[in-house]
Amino acid sequence: VAGSLLGPRLLARVSERAAMAAGLGAVACGALALIAISPDTAALPSMLAGFVVMGAGLGVASVASTSAGTTPLNTQRRGVGAGLLTSAAQIGTALGLAVVVPLTEFRAHAFRLDRILLWRTRALRAPRE
């Protein structure tokens, strides 16, 4: 929400392209903050900061992309343009999840299988009394 409120103010000062780049850069910084969480640090503050930065960046980038996609259209077509942008974003999210979720499940399953095989191998190699 904060990023969506910041977006129009930023667009008044910079171009749509610069606002989109800044917003997507903030999303990337937030993702890097989440990746950088280590077992030795407190997770909650790091996660909170990462998600806040990502959310603000996404809000700014969304406002800028909507503006870039609807401004060239005449007033009678702007609603259709905004609807197409929203539909494309929803379809992209659905397709992205349809690809990413099975891949992560496959990776998690392979990791569990490796752990089970490693445990069994160690158990077979252990000296018996």
N, C-alpha and C. Protein backbone atom coordinates (compact mmCIF):
# COMPACT_ATOMS: atom_id res chain seq x y z
N VAL A 1 0.83 -1.18 0.00
CA VAL A 1 0.00 0.00 0.00
C VAL A 1 0.88 1.25 0.00
N ALA A 2 1.94 1.24 0.80
CA ALA A 2 2.81 2.41 0.87
C ALA A 2 3.46 2.69 -0.48
N GLY A 3 3.88 1.64 -1.17
CA GLY A 3 4.49 1.82 -2.48
C GLY A 3 3.50 2.36 -3.50
N SER A 4 2.25 1.94 -3.41
CA SER A 4 1.23 2.44 -4.32
C SER A 4 0.93 3.91 -4.05
N LEU A 5 1.06 4.34 -2.82
CA LEU A 5 0.87 5.75 -2.50
C LEU A 5 2.10 6.57 -2.90
N LEU A 6 3.26 5.97 -2.82
CA LEU A 6 4.50 6.64 -3.20
C LEU A 6 4.64 6.73 -4.72
N GLY A 7 4.08 5.78 -5.45
CA GLY A 7 4.22 5.70 -6.90
C GLY A 7 3.83 6.97 -7.65
N PRO A 8 2.62 7.52 -7.42
CA PRO A 8 2.26 8.74 -8.15
C PRO A 8 3.17 9.93 -7.82
N ARG A 9 3.61 10.02 -6.59
CA ARG A 9 4.53 11.12 -6.22
C ARG A 9 5.86 10.97 -6.94
N LEU A 10 6.33 9.73 -7.03
CA LEU A 10 7.59 9.49 -7.73
C LEU A 10 7.43 9.75 -9.22
N LEU A 11 6.29 9.37 -9.79
CA LEU A 11 6.04 9.61 -11.21
C LEU A 11 5.98 11.10 -11.55
N ALA A 12 5.59 11.92 -10.60
CA ALA A 12 5.55 13.36 -10.83
C ALA A 12 6.97 13.93 -10.96
N ARG A 13 7.95 13.22 -10.42
CA ARG A 13 9.33 13.73 -10.42
C ARG A 13 10.23 13.07 -11.45
N VAL A 14 9.97 11.80 -11.76
CA VAL A 14 10.84 11.07 -12.69
C VAL A 14 9.98 10.42 -13.78
N SER A 15 10.63 9.86 -14.77
CA SER A 15 9.90 9.21 -15.86
C SER A 15 9.31 7.87 -15.40
N GLU A 16 8.40 7.35 -16.19
CA GLU A 16 7.80 6.05 -15.87
C GLU A 16 8.86 4.95 -15.87
N ARG A 17 9.77 5.03 -16.83
CA ARG A 17 10.83 4.03 -16.93
C ARG A 17 11.72 4.06 -15.69
N ALA A 18 12.07 5.25 -15.23
CA ALA A 18 12.92 5.37 -14.04
C ALA A 18 12.19 4.87 -12.80
N ALA A 19 10.89 5.17 -12.70
CA ALA A 19 10.11 4.70 -11.54
C ALA A 19 9.98 3.18 -11.55
N MET A 20 9.76 2.59 -12.75
CA MET A 20 9.69 1.12 -12.82
C MET A 20 11.03 0.50 -12.44
N ALA A 21 12.11 1.10 -12.92
CA ALA A 21 13.44 0.57 -12.60
C ALA A 21 13.71 0.68 -11.10
N ALA A 22 13.34 1.79 -10.50
CA ALA A 22 13.54 1.95 -9.06
C ALA A 22 12.70 0.95 -8.27
N GLY A 23 11.45 0.78 -8.69
CA GLY A 23 10.57 -0.18 -8.01
C GLY A 23 11.07 -1.60 -8.12
N LEU A 24 11.47 -2.01 -9.31
CA LEU A 24 11.97 -3.37 -9.49
C LEU A 24 13.32 -3.55 -8.82
N GLY A 25 14.12 -2.49 -8.75
CA GLY A 25 15.38 -2.55 -8.01
C GLY A 25 15.12 -2.76 -6.52
N ALA A 26 14.09 -2.10 -6.00
CA ALA A 26 13.74 -2.29 -4.59
C ALA A 26 13.25 -3.71 -4.34
N VAL A 27 12.49 -4.27 -5.28
CA VAL A 27 12.05 -5.67 -5.15
C VAL A 27 13.27 -6.59 -5.09
N ALA A 28 14.24 -6.34 -5.96
CA ALA A 28 15.46 -7.16 -5.98
C ALA A 28 16.23 -7.01 -4.67
N CYS A 29 16.33 -5.79 -4.15
CA CYS A 29 17.03 -5.58 -2.88
C CYS A 29 16.32 -6.31 -1.73
N GLY A 30 15.00 -6.26 -1.73
CA GLY A 30 14.25 -6.98 -0.71
C GLY A 30 14.46 -8.48 -0.80
N ALA A 31 14.49 -9.00 -2.02
CA ALA A 31 14.74 -10.44 -2.20
C ALA A 31 16.14 -10.80 -1.74
N LEU A 32 17.11 -9.95 -2.03
CA LEU A 32 18.49 -10.21 -1.57
C LEU A 32 18.56 -10.18 -0.05
N ALA A 33 17.79 -9.29 0.57
CA ALA A 33 17.76 -9.25 2.03
C ALA A 33 17.20 -10.56 2.60
N LEU A 34 16.23 -11.14 1.92
CA LEU A 34 15.68 -12.42 2.38
C LEU A 34 16.67 -13.55 2.18
N ILE A 35 17.39 -13.51 1.07
CA ILE A 35 18.38 -14.55 0.81
C ILE A 35 19.52 -14.48 1.82
N ALA A 36 19.84 -13.28 2.28
CA ALA A 36 20.98 -13.08 3.17
C ALA A 36 20.72 -13.50 4.62
N ILE A 37 19.51 -13.91 4.94
CA ILE A 37 19.21 -14.33 6.31
C ILE A 37 20.01 -15.59 6.62
N SER A 38 20.72 -15.56 7.72
CA SER A 38 21.51 -16.72 8.12
C SER A 38 20.96 -17.28 9.43
N PRO A 39 21.33 -18.49 9.76
CA PRO A 39 20.84 -19.08 11.02
C PRO A 39 21.31 -18.33 12.26
N ASP A 40 22.38 -17.54 12.12
CA ASP A 40 22.92 -16.81 13.28
C ASP A 40 22.22 -15.49 13.55
N THR A 41 21.40 -15.01 12.62
CA THR A 41 20.73 -13.72 12.80
C THR A 41 19.27 -13.93 13.18
N ALA A 42 18.70 -12.88 13.75
CA ALA A 42 17.27 -12.93 14.08
C ALA A 42 16.48 -12.84 12.77
N ALA A 43 15.64 -13.80 12.52
CA ALA A 43 14.94 -13.89 11.24
C ALA A 43 13.84 -12.84 11.09
N LEU A 44 13.11 -12.56 12.16
CA LEU A 44 11.96 -11.68 12.04
C LEU A 44 12.31 -10.27 11.55
N PRO A 45 13.30 -9.58 12.15
CA PRO A 45 13.61 -8.25 11.63
C PRO A 45 14.11 -8.27 10.19
N SER A 46 14.90 -9.26 9.84
CA SER A 46 15.41 -9.36 8.48
C SER A 46 14.28 -9.65 7.49
N MET A 47 13.39 -10.54 7.85
CA MET A 47 12.27 -10.85 6.97
C MET A 47 11.34 -9.65 6.84
N LEU A 48 11.07 -9.00 7.95
CA LEU A 48 10.18 -7.84 7.92
C LEU A 48 10.75 -6.76 7.02
N ALA A 49 12.05 -6.46 7.17
CA ALA A 49 12.68 -5.43 6.34
C ALA A 49 12.64 -5.84 4.87
N GLY A 50 12.96 -7.09 4.57
CA GLY A 50 12.95 -7.55 3.19
C GLY A 50 11.58 -7.46 2.55
N PHE A 51 10.56 -7.88 3.28
CA PHE A 51 9.21 -7.84 2.72
C PHE A 51 8.68 -6.42 2.59
N VAL A 52 9.04 -5.54 3.51
CA VAL A 52 8.61 -4.13 3.41
C VAL A 52 9.23 -3.49 2.17
N VAL A 53 10.53 -3.71 1.97
CA VAL A 53 11.21 -3.13 0.80
C VAL A 53 10.62 -3.72 -0.48
N MET A 54 10.39 -5.03 -0.51
CA MET A 54 9.80 -5.66 -1.69
C MET A 54 8.39 -5.11 -1.97
N GLY A 55 7.59 -4.97 -0.94
CA GLY A 55 6.23 -4.47 -1.12
C GLY A 55 6.19 -3.03 -1.61
N ALA A 56 7.05 -2.20 -1.05
CA ALA A 56 7.10 -0.81 -1.50
C ALA A 56 7.56 -0.74 -2.95
N GLY A 57 8.57 -1.51 -3.28
CA GLY A 57 9.05 -1.51 -4.66
C GLY A 57 8.01 -2.02 -5.64
N LEU A 58 7.29 -3.06 -5.26
CA LEU A 58 6.25 -3.61 -6.13
C LEU A 58 5.14 -2.59 -6.34
N GLY A 59 4.79 -1.87 -5.29
CA GLY A 59 3.77 -0.83 -5.43
C GLY A 59 4.19 0.26 -6.39
N VAL A 60 5.43 0.73 -6.28
CA VAL A 60 5.93 1.77 -7.17
C VAL A 60 5.99 1.25 -8.61
N ALA A 61 6.52 0.05 -8.80
CA ALA A 61 6.62 -0.51 -10.15
C ALA A 61 5.24 -0.75 -10.76
N SER A 62 4.28 -1.17 -9.97
CA SER A 62 2.92 -1.41 -10.49
C SER A 62 2.27 -0.12 -10.95
N VAL A 63 2.39 0.93 -10.14
CA VAL A 63 1.82 2.22 -10.52
C VAL A 63 2.48 2.73 -11.80
N ALA A 64 3.80 2.62 -11.87
CA ALA A 64 4.52 3.10 -13.05
C ALA A 64 4.15 2.30 -14.30
N SER A 65 4.04 0.97 -14.17
CA SER A 65 3.70 0.17 -15.35
C SER A 65 2.27 0.42 -15.79
N THR A 66 1.36 0.62 -14.86
CA THR A 66 -0.02 0.93 -15.22
C THR A 66 -0.09 2.27 -15.93
N SER A 67 0.66 3.23 -15.42
CA SER A 67 0.71 4.54 -16.06
C SER A 67 1.29 4.44 -17.47
N ALA A 68 2.37 3.69 -17.61
CA ALA A 68 3.00 3.54 -18.93
C ALA A 68 2.07 2.81 -19.90
N GLY A 69 1.28 1.89 -19.39
CA GLY A 69 0.39 1.12 -20.26
C GLY A 69 -0.90 1.82 -20.61
N THR A 70 -1.33 2.78 -19.81
CA THR A 70 -2.61 3.42 -20.07
C THR A 70 -2.50 4.86 -20.56
N THR A 71 -1.42 5.54 -20.27
CA THR A 71 -1.28 6.94 -20.68
C THR A 71 -1.35 7.13 -22.19
N PRO A 72 -0.73 6.28 -23.01
CA PRO A 72 -0.81 6.49 -24.46
C PRO A 72 -2.22 6.29 -25.04
N LEU A 73 -3.09 5.64 -24.31
CA LEU A 73 -4.44 5.35 -24.82
C LEU A 73 -5.35 6.56 -24.65
N ASN A 74 -6.33 6.68 -25.54
CA ASN A 74 -7.30 7.77 -25.35
C ASN A 74 -8.20 7.43 -24.17
N THR A 75 -8.95 8.38 -23.69
CA THR A 75 -9.71 8.20 -22.45
C THR A 75 -10.76 7.10 -22.56
N GLN A 76 -11.29 6.86 -23.76
CA GLN A 76 -12.30 5.81 -23.92
C GLN A 76 -11.70 4.41 -23.80
N ARG A 77 -10.42 4.27 -24.02
CA ARG A 77 -9.77 2.96 -24.03
C ARG A 77 -8.93 2.68 -22.77
N ARG A 78 -8.80 3.63 -21.89
CA ARG A 78 -7.93 3.43 -20.72
C ARG A 78 -8.42 2.34 -19.79
N GLY A 79 -9.71 2.21 -19.62
CA GLY A 79 -10.24 1.15 -18.78
C GLY A 79 -9.93 -0.23 -19.33
N VAL A 80 -10.05 -0.38 -20.64
CA VAL A 80 -9.73 -1.65 -21.28
C VAL A 80 -8.23 -1.93 -21.14
N GLY A 81 -7.41 -0.90 -21.34
CA GLY A 81 -5.97 -1.06 -21.19
C GLY A 81 -5.58 -1.49 -19.78
N ALA A 82 -6.19 -0.86 -18.79
CA ALA A 82 -5.90 -1.23 -17.40
C ALA A 82 -6.37 -2.65 -17.11
N GLY A 83 -7.50 -3.04 -17.68
CA GLY A 83 -7.99 -4.40 -17.50
C GLY A 83 -7.07 -5.42 -18.13
N LEU A 84 -6.56 -5.12 -19.31
CA LEU A 84 -5.62 -6.02 -19.98
C LEU A 84 -4.32 -6.15 -19.19
N LEU A 85 -3.84 -5.03 -18.66
CA LEU A 85 -2.63 -5.08 -17.83
C LEU A 85 -2.84 -5.95 -16.59
N THR A 86 -3.96 -5.77 -15.94
CA THR A 86 -4.27 -6.56 -14.74
C THR A 86 -4.42 -8.04 -15.08
N SER A 87 -5.11 -8.32 -16.18
CA SER A 87 -5.28 -9.72 -16.60
C SER A 87 -3.93 -10.36 -16.93
N ALA A 88 -3.07 -9.62 -17.62
CA ALA A 88 -1.75 -10.15 -17.96
C ALA A 88 -0.94 -10.43 -16.70
N ALA A 89 -1.03 -9.55 -15.71
CA ALA A 89 -0.31 -9.77 -14.46
C ALA A 89 -0.83 -11.01 -13.73
N GLN A 90 -2.14 -11.20 -13.71
CA GLN A 90 -2.72 -12.36 -13.04
C GLN A 90 -2.37 -13.66 -13.76
N ILE A 91 -2.43 -13.63 -15.09
CA ILE A 91 -2.08 -14.83 -15.86
C ILE A 91 -0.60 -15.15 -15.69
N GLY A 92 0.24 -14.12 -15.70
CA GLY A 92 1.67 -14.34 -15.49
C GLY A 92 1.96 -14.94 -14.13
N THR A 93 1.27 -14.47 -13.10
CA THR A 93 1.45 -15.03 -11.77
C THR A 93 1.01 -16.48 -11.72
N ALA A 94 -0.13 -16.78 -12.32
CA ALA A 94 -0.62 -18.16 -12.31
C ALA A 94 0.31 -19.09 -13.07
N LEU A 95 0.78 -18.67 -14.23
CA LEU A 95 1.71 -19.50 -15.00
C LEU A 95 3.05 -19.65 -14.28
N GLY A 96 3.52 -18.57 -13.68
CA GLY A 96 4.77 -18.65 -12.93
C GLY A 96 4.67 -19.64 -11.78
N LEU A 97 3.58 -19.60 -11.04
CA LEU A 97 3.39 -20.56 -9.96
C LEU A 97 3.25 -21.98 -10.48
N ALA A 98 2.58 -22.13 -11.62
CA ALA A 98 2.42 -23.46 -12.20
C ALA A 98 3.76 -24.08 -12.59
N VAL A 99 4.74 -23.25 -12.88
CA VAL A 99 6.08 -23.76 -13.22
C VAL A 99 6.95 -23.90 -11.99
N VAL A 100 6.94 -22.89 -11.12
CA VAL A 100 7.87 -22.86 -9.99
C VAL A 100 7.52 -23.86 -8.90
N VAL A 101 6.25 -24.02 -8.58
CA VAL A 101 5.87 -24.91 -7.48
C VAL A 101 6.26 -26.37 -7.74
N PRO A 102 5.98 -26.94 -8.91
CA PRO A 102 6.45 -28.31 -9.13
C PRO A 102 7.98 -28.45 -9.10
N LEU A 103 8.68 -27.43 -9.60
CA LEU A 103 10.14 -27.49 -9.57
C LEU A 103 10.67 -27.48 -8.14
N THR A 104 10.10 -26.65 -7.29
CA THR A 104 10.56 -26.62 -5.89
C THR A 104 10.19 -27.90 -5.17
N GLU A 105 9.03 -28.45 -5.47
CA GLU A 105 8.64 -29.72 -4.85
C GLU A 105 9.57 -30.84 -5.29
N PHE A 106 9.93 -30.85 -6.56
CA PHE A 106 10.87 -31.85 -7.07
C PHE A 106 12.21 -31.72 -6.35
N ARG A 107 12.68 -30.49 -6.19
CA ARG A 107 13.96 -30.26 -5.52
C ARG A 107 13.88 -30.70 -4.06
N ALA A 108 12.79 -30.36 -3.38
CA ALA A 108 12.64 -30.76 -1.98
C ALA A 108 12.57 -32.28 -1.86
N HIS A 109 11.86 -32.92 -2.77
CA HIS A 109 11.75 -34.38 -2.75
C HIS A 109 13.12 -35.01 -2.98
N ALA A 110 13.88 -34.48 -3.95
CA ALA A 110 15.22 -35.00 -4.22
C ALA A 110 16.13 -34.82 -3.01
N PHE A 111 16.00 -33.69 -2.32
CA PHE A 111 16.81 -33.45 -1.13
C PHE A 111 16.47 -34.46 -0.04
N ARG A 112 15.18 -34.70 0.17
CA ARG A 112 14.77 -35.69 1.19
C ARG A 112 15.26 -37.08 0.81
N LEU A 113 15.15 -37.43 -0.47
CA LEU A 113 15.60 -38.73 -0.93
C LEU A 113 17.10 -38.88 -0.72
N ASP A 114 17.88 -37.84 -1.02
CA ASP A 114 19.33 -37.89 -0.79
C ASP A 114 19.64 -38.11 0.68
N ARG A 115 18.91 -37.47 1.56
CA ARG A 115 19.13 -37.62 3.00
C ARG A 115 18.81 -39.04 3.46
N ILE A 116 17.74 -39.60 2.94
CA ILE A 116 17.36 -40.96 3.31
C ILE A 116 18.42 -41.95 2.83
N LEU A 117 18.87 -41.78 1.58
CA LEU A 117 19.89 -42.68 1.05
C LEU A 117 21.21 -42.55 1.81
N LEU A 118 21.57 -41.33 2.18
CA LEU A 118 22.78 -41.11 2.95
C LEU A 118 22.68 -41.79 4.31
N TRP A 119 21.54 -41.68 4.96
CA TRP A 119 21.33 -42.29 6.27
C TRP A 119 21.43 -43.81 6.16
N ARG A 120 20.80 -44.38 5.12
CA ARG A 120 20.84 -45.83 4.94
C ARG A 120 22.26 -46.31 4.64
N THR A 121 22.99 -45.55 3.84
CA THR A 121 24.37 -45.92 3.52
C THR A 121 25.22 -45.91 4.76
N ARG A 122 25.07 -44.91 5.59
CA ARG A 122 25.83 -44.84 6.85
C ARG A 122 25.44 -45.98 7.77
N ALA A 123 24.17 -46.31 7.78
CA ALA A 123 23.70 -47.40 8.65
C ALA A 123 24.28 -48.74 8.20
N LEU A 124 24.39 -48.94 6.89
CA LEU A 124 24.95 -50.20 6.39
C LEU A 124 26.47 -50.30 6.61
N ARG A 125 27.14 -49.17 6.60
CA ARG A 125 28.59 -49.16 6.78
C ARG A 125 29.01 -49.19 8.25
N ALA A 126 28.09 -48.92 9.13
CA ALA A 126 28.43 -48.88 10.55
C ALA A 126 28.88 -50.27 11.02
N PRO A 127 29.90 -50.32 11.84
CA PRO A 127 30.35 -51.63 12.34
C PRO A 127 29.27 -52.23 13.26
N ARG A 128 29.10 -53.52 13.11
CA ARG A 128 28.09 -54.21 13.94
C ARG A 128 28.78 -54.91 15.08
N GLU A 129 28.15 -54.89 16.18
CA GLU A 129 28.73 -55.52 17.35
C GLU A 129 28.16 -56.88 17.60
